[in-house]
Amino acid sequence: MHSEHKPRSSNPAIPYHQGREAAKRLVIAVSPNKRLATARSFCAAVVEGYWSVLCYRHECTWQLPAAPGAGERLSPDAVELAQVLVRSIGAHSPVDAGFMIGGIYTVMLPNDVRAELGAHYTPGDRCTYQVPISRAFARSLTRP
């Protein structure tokens, strides 16, 4: 195994929805002019952590390029929350993990940016219904 990619956190995982809400509270506590940069940096930390989990699982050493706009230094609490979320997301497929990380990013975006981008979080209960239907539809497209 490649120890440089072994997941770093021994913090217990928390349910995804609790972590997402904690990330939202975390960014609200930041000054308004730093919220977007904090959201980007936080999500970059989660992506990097998830990438490390995948590399460890698949015994690879691929490096990620630096995330654009993710230069904001995170507080120790934010780093710990990101690590805890990685443990929660780490058991999921890359597709599901990508959706989950996107949900975190969406709730962390400042309202004006979210409105400008048309980015809105889809509540989990709707996803529980929509994701299986989407998967079934995708499978039907690949069948002869």
C-alpha atoms as a PDB file:
ATOM      1  CA  MET A   1       0.000   0.000   0.000  1.00  0.00           C
ATOM      2  CA  HIS A   2       1.075   3.577  -0.588  1.00  0.00           C
ATOM      3  CA  SER A   3       1.160   5.116   2.855  1.00  0.00           C
ATOM      4  CA  GLU A   4       1.414   8.664   1.512  1.00  0.00           C
ATOM      5  CA  HIS A   5      -2.189   8.331   0.390  1.00  0.00           C
ATOM      6  CA  LYS A   6      -3.526   6.640   3.495  1.00  0.00           C
ATOM      7  CA  PRO A   7      -6.445   8.680   4.862  1.00  0.00           C
ATOM      8  CA  ARG A   8      -5.066  11.001   7.544  1.00  0.00           C
ATOM      9  CA  SER A   9      -8.000  11.366   9.885  1.00  0.00           C
ATOM     10  CA  SER A  10      -8.945   9.008  12.659  1.00  0.00           C
ATOM     11  CA  ASN A  11     -11.968  11.179  13.511  1.00  0.00           C
ATOM     12  CA  PRO A  12     -15.229   9.275  13.424  1.00  0.00           C
ATOM     13  CA  ALA A  13     -17.537   9.833  10.494  1.00  0.00           C
ATOM     14  CA  ILE A  14     -20.751  11.750  11.040  1.00  0.00           C
ATOM     15  CA  PRO A  15     -23.871  11.462   8.924  1.00  0.00           C
ATOM     16  CA  TYR A  16     -23.410  13.372   5.673  1.00  0.00           C
ATOM     17  CA  HIS A  17     -26.371  15.689   6.229  1.00  0.00           C
ATOM     18  CA  GLN A  18     -25.076  16.735   9.645  1.00  0.00           C
ATOM     19  CA  GLY A  19     -21.659  17.438   8.169  1.00  0.00           C
ATOM     20  CA  ARG A  20     -23.129  19.444   5.321  1.00  0.00           C
ATOM     21  CA  GLU A  21     -25.086  21.580   7.768  1.00  0.00           C
ATOM     22  CA  ALA A  22     -21.987  22.031   9.942  1.00  0.00           C
ATOM     23  CA  ALA A  23     -20.087  23.220   6.841  1.00  0.00           C
ATOM     24  CA  LYS A  24     -22.864  25.722   6.159  1.00  0.00           C
ATOM     25  CA  ARG A  25     -22.642  27.046   9.720  1.00  0.00           C
ATOM     26  CA  LEU A  26     -18.872  27.203   9.414  1.00  0.00           C
ATOM     27  CA  VAL A  27     -18.976  29.435   6.321  1.00  0.00           C
ATOM     28  CA  ILE A  28     -21.700  31.673   7.770  1.00  0.00           C
ATOM     29  CA  ALA A  29     -19.355  32.440  10.671  1.00  0.00           C
ATOM     30  CA  VAL A  30     -16.714  33.748   8.213  1.00  0.00           C
ATOM     31  CA  SER A  31     -16.712  37.383   7.128  1.00  0.00           C
ATOM     32  CA  PRO A  32     -18.882  37.846   4.003  1.00  0.00           C
ATOM     33  CA  ASN A  33     -15.960  38.812   1.771  1.00  0.00           C
ATOM     34  CA  LYS A  34     -14.200  35.485   2.542  1.00  0.00           C
ATOM     35  CA  ARG A  35     -17.151  33.094   2.244  1.00  0.00           C
ATOM     36  CA  LEU A  36     -16.635  32.105  -1.389  1.00  0.00           C
ATOM     37  CA  ALA A  37     -12.905  31.506  -0.922  1.00  0.00           C
ATOM     38  CA  THR A  38     -13.600  29.529   2.256  1.00  0.00           C
ATOM     39  CA  ALA A  39     -16.210  27.388   0.476  1.00  0.00           C
ATOM     40  CA  ARG A  40     -13.761  26.676  -2.347  1.00  0.00           C
ATOM     41  CA  SER A  41     -10.903  25.849   0.012  1.00  0.00           C
ATOM     42  CA  PHE A  42     -13.093  23.687   2.242  1.00  0.00           C
ATOM     43  CA  CYS A  43     -14.448  21.680  -0.675  1.00  0.00           C
ATOM     44  CA  ALA A  44     -10.963  21.385  -2.171  1.00  0.00           C
ATOM     45  CA  ALA A  45      -9.853  19.851   1.148  1.00  0.00           C
ATOM     46  CA  VAL A  46     -12.753  17.373   0.990  1.00  0.00           C
ATOM     47  CA  VAL A  47     -11.957  16.482  -2.646  1.00  0.00           C
ATOM     48  CA  GLU A  48      -8.266  16.018  -1.806  1.00  0.00           C
ATOM     49  CA  GLY A  49      -9.179  13.812   1.146  1.00  0.00           C
ATOM     50  CA  TYR A  50     -11.566  11.717  -0.930  1.00  0.00           C
ATOM     51  CA  TRP A  51      -8.909  11.428  -3.636  1.00  0.00           C
ATOM     52  CA  SER A  52      -6.472  10.123  -1.016  1.00  0.00           C
ATOM     53  CA  VAL A  53      -9.026   7.505   0.025  1.00  0.00           C
ATOM     54  CA  LEU A  54      -9.418   6.384  -3.605  1.00  0.00           C
ATOM     55  CA  CYS A  55      -5.666   6.278  -4.181  1.00  0.00           C
ATOM     56  CA  TYR A  56      -5.154   4.255  -1.023  1.00  0.00           C
ATOM     57  CA  ARG A  57      -7.948   1.855  -1.977  1.00  0.00           C
ATOM     58  CA  HIS A  58      -6.593   1.378  -5.524  1.00  0.00           C
ATOM     59  CA  GLU A  59      -2.893   1.548  -4.636  1.00  0.00           C
ATOM     60  CA  CYS A  60      -2.137   4.459  -6.943  1.00  0.00           C
ATOM     61  CA  THR A  61      -0.053   7.594  -6.546  1.00  0.00           C
ATOM     62  CA  TRP A  62      -1.792   9.995  -8.901  1.00  0.00           C
ATOM     63  CA  GLN A  63      -1.635  13.581  -7.751  1.00  0.00           C
ATOM     64  CA  LEU A  64      -4.414  16.119  -8.075  1.00  0.00           C
ATOM     65  CA  PRO A  65      -3.647  19.522  -9.571  1.00  0.00           C
ATOM     66  CA  ALA A  66      -4.180  22.472  -7.266  1.00  0.00           C
ATOM     67  CA  ALA A  67      -7.814  23.523  -7.054  1.00  0.00           C
ATOM     68  CA  PRO A  68      -8.451  26.931  -8.632  1.00  0.00           C
ATOM     69  CA  GLY A  69      -9.518  29.609  -6.182  1.00  0.00           C
ATOM     70  CA  ALA A  70      -8.809  27.440  -3.143  1.00  0.00           C
ATOM     71  CA  GLY A  71      -6.126  29.528  -1.484  1.00  0.00           C
ATOM     72  CA  GLU A  72      -7.957  30.474   1.708  1.00  0.00           C
ATOM     73  CA  ARG A  73      -6.294  29.053   4.828  1.00  0.00           C
ATOM     74  CA  LEU A  74      -8.789  26.959   6.767  1.00  0.00           C
ATOM     75  CA  SER A  75      -9.189  27.061  10.534  1.00  0.00           C
ATOM     76  CA  PRO A  76      -8.273  23.908  12.478  1.00  0.00           C
ATOM     77  CA  ASP A  77     -12.008  23.302  13.069  1.00  0.00           C
ATOM     78  CA  ALA A  78     -12.682  23.516   9.331  1.00  0.00           C
ATOM     79  CA  VAL A  79      -9.828  21.105   8.560  1.00  0.00           C
ATOM     80  CA  GLU A  80     -11.174  18.659  11.140  1.00  0.00           C
ATOM     81  CA  LEU A  81     -14.718  18.917   9.740  1.00  0.00           C
ATOM     82  CA  ALA A  82     -13.397  18.312   6.214  1.00  0.00           C
ATOM     83  CA  GLN A  83     -11.572  15.185   7.434  1.00  0.00           C
ATOM     84  CA  VAL A  84     -14.677  13.924   9.205  1.00  0.00           C
ATOM     85  CA  LEU A  85     -16.729  14.470   6.033  1.00  0.00           C
ATOM     86  CA  VAL A  86     -14.129  12.572   4.005  1.00  0.00           C
ATOM     87  CA  ARG A  87     -14.645   9.597   6.324  1.00  0.00           C
ATOM     88  CA  SER A  88     -18.407   9.851   5.762  1.00  0.00           C
ATOM     89  CA  ILE A  89     -18.131  10.263   1.983  1.00  0.00           C
ATOM     90  CA  GLY A  90     -15.232   7.819   1.588  1.00  0.00           C
ATOM     91  CA  ALA A  91     -17.409   4.728   1.478  1.00  0.00           C
ATOM     92  CA  HIS A  92     -19.356   6.008  -1.529  1.00  0.00           C
ATOM     93  CA  SER A  93     -18.732   5.649  -5.242  1.00  0.00           C
ATOM     94  CA  PRO A  94     -17.038   8.550  -7.035  1.00  0.00           C
ATOM     95  CA  VAL A  95     -20.362   9.525  -8.630  1.00  0.00           C
ATOM     96  CA  ASP A  96     -22.202   9.613  -5.311  1.00  0.00           C
ATOM     97  CA  ALA A  97     -19.259  11.282  -3.568  1.00  0.00           C
ATOM     98  CA  GLY A  98     -19.145  13.942  -6.283  1.00  0.00           C
ATOM     99  CA  PHE A  99     -22.834  14.633  -5.757  1.00  0.00           C
ATOM    100  CA  MET A 100     -22.321  14.847  -1.998  1.00  0.00           C
ATOM    101  CA  ILE A 101     -19.358  17.215  -2.313  1.00  0.00           C
ATOM    102  CA  GLY A 102     -21.379  19.332  -4.740  1.00  0.00           C
ATOM    103  CA  GLY A 103     -24.138  19.516  -2.123  1.00  0.00           C
ATOM    104  CA  ILE A 104     -21.630  20.739   0.454  1.00  0.00           C
ATOM    105  CA  TYR A 105     -20.296  23.366  -1.934  1.00  0.00           C
ATOM    106  CA  THR A 106     -23.788  24.542  -2.838  1.00  0.00           C
ATOM    107  CA  VAL A 107     -24.874  25.113   0.762  1.00  0.00           C
ATOM    108  CA  MET A 108     -21.603  26.919   1.511  1.00  0.00           C
ATOM    109  CA  LEU A 109     -21.886  29.381  -1.388  1.00  0.00           C
ATOM    110  CA  PRO A 110     -22.932  32.911  -0.500  1.00  0.00           C
ATOM    111  CA  ASN A 111     -26.575  33.540  -1.448  1.00  0.00           C
ATOM    112  CA  ASP A 112     -25.716  36.094  -4.140  1.00  0.00           C
ATOM    113  CA  VAL A 113     -23.245  33.707  -5.821  1.00  0.00           C
ATOM    114  CA  ARG A 114     -25.697  30.813  -5.621  1.00  0.00           C
ATOM    115  CA  ALA A 115     -28.410  32.977  -7.201  1.00  0.00           C
ATOM    116  CA  GLU A 116     -26.049  34.231  -9.912  1.00  0.00           C
ATOM    117  CA  LEU A 117     -24.983  30.679 -10.792  1.00  0.00           C
ATOM    118  CA  GLY A 118     -28.457  29.230 -10.458  1.00  0.00           C
ATOM    119  CA  ALA A 119     -26.955  26.673  -8.051  1.00  0.00           C
ATOM    120  CA  HIS A 120     -29.497  25.198  -5.717  1.00  0.00           C
ATOM    121  CA  TYR A 121     -29.206  22.193  -3.452  1.00  0.00           C
ATOM    122  CA  THR A 122     -31.680  19.386  -4.085  1.00  0.00           C
ATOM    123  CA  PRO A 123     -32.969  18.042  -0.749  1.00  0.00           C
ATOM    124  CA  GLY A 124     -31.991  14.470   0.059  1.00  0.00           C
ATOM    125  CA  ASP A 125     -35.533  13.120   0.045  1.00  0.00           C
ATOM    126  CA  ARG A 126     -35.919  14.165  -3.588  1.00  0.00           C
ATOM    127  CA  CYS A 127     -32.567  12.589  -4.454  1.00  0.00           C
ATOM    128  CA  THR A 128     -33.597   9.348  -2.786  1.00  0.00           C
ATOM    129  CA  TYR A 129     -36.397   9.244  -5.322  1.00  0.00           C
ATOM    130  CA  GLN A 130     -34.597  10.721  -8.351  1.00  0.00           C
ATOM    131  CA  VAL A 131     -31.221   8.947  -8.227  1.00  0.00           C
ATOM    132  CA  PRO A 132     -32.564   5.369  -8.647  1.00  0.00           C
ATOM    133  CA  ILE A 133     -34.771   6.531 -11.509  1.00  0.00           C
ATOM    134  CA  SER A 134     -31.809   8.240 -13.182  1.00  0.00           C
ATOM    135  CA  ARG A 135     -29.644   5.142 -12.756  1.00  0.00           C
ATOM    136  CA  ALA A 136     -32.357   2.916 -14.234  1.00  0.00           C
ATOM    137  CA  PHE A 137     -32.694   5.293 -17.166  1.00  0.00           C
ATOM    138  CA  ALA A 138     -28.916   5.312 -17.723  1.00  0.00           C
ATOM    139  CA  ARG A 139     -28.835   1.498 -17.656  1.00  0.00           C
ATOM    140  CA  SER A 140     -31.652   1.381 -20.203  1.00  0.00           C
ATOM    141  CA  LEU A 141     -29.584   3.502 -22.588  1.00  0.00           C
ATOM    142  CA  THR A 142     -26.712   1.000 -22.547  1.00  0.00           C
ATOM    143  CA  ARG A 143     -28.858  -2.054 -23.288  1.00  0.00           C
ATOM    144  CA  PRO A 144     -29.299  -3.194 -26.894  1.00  0.00           C
END
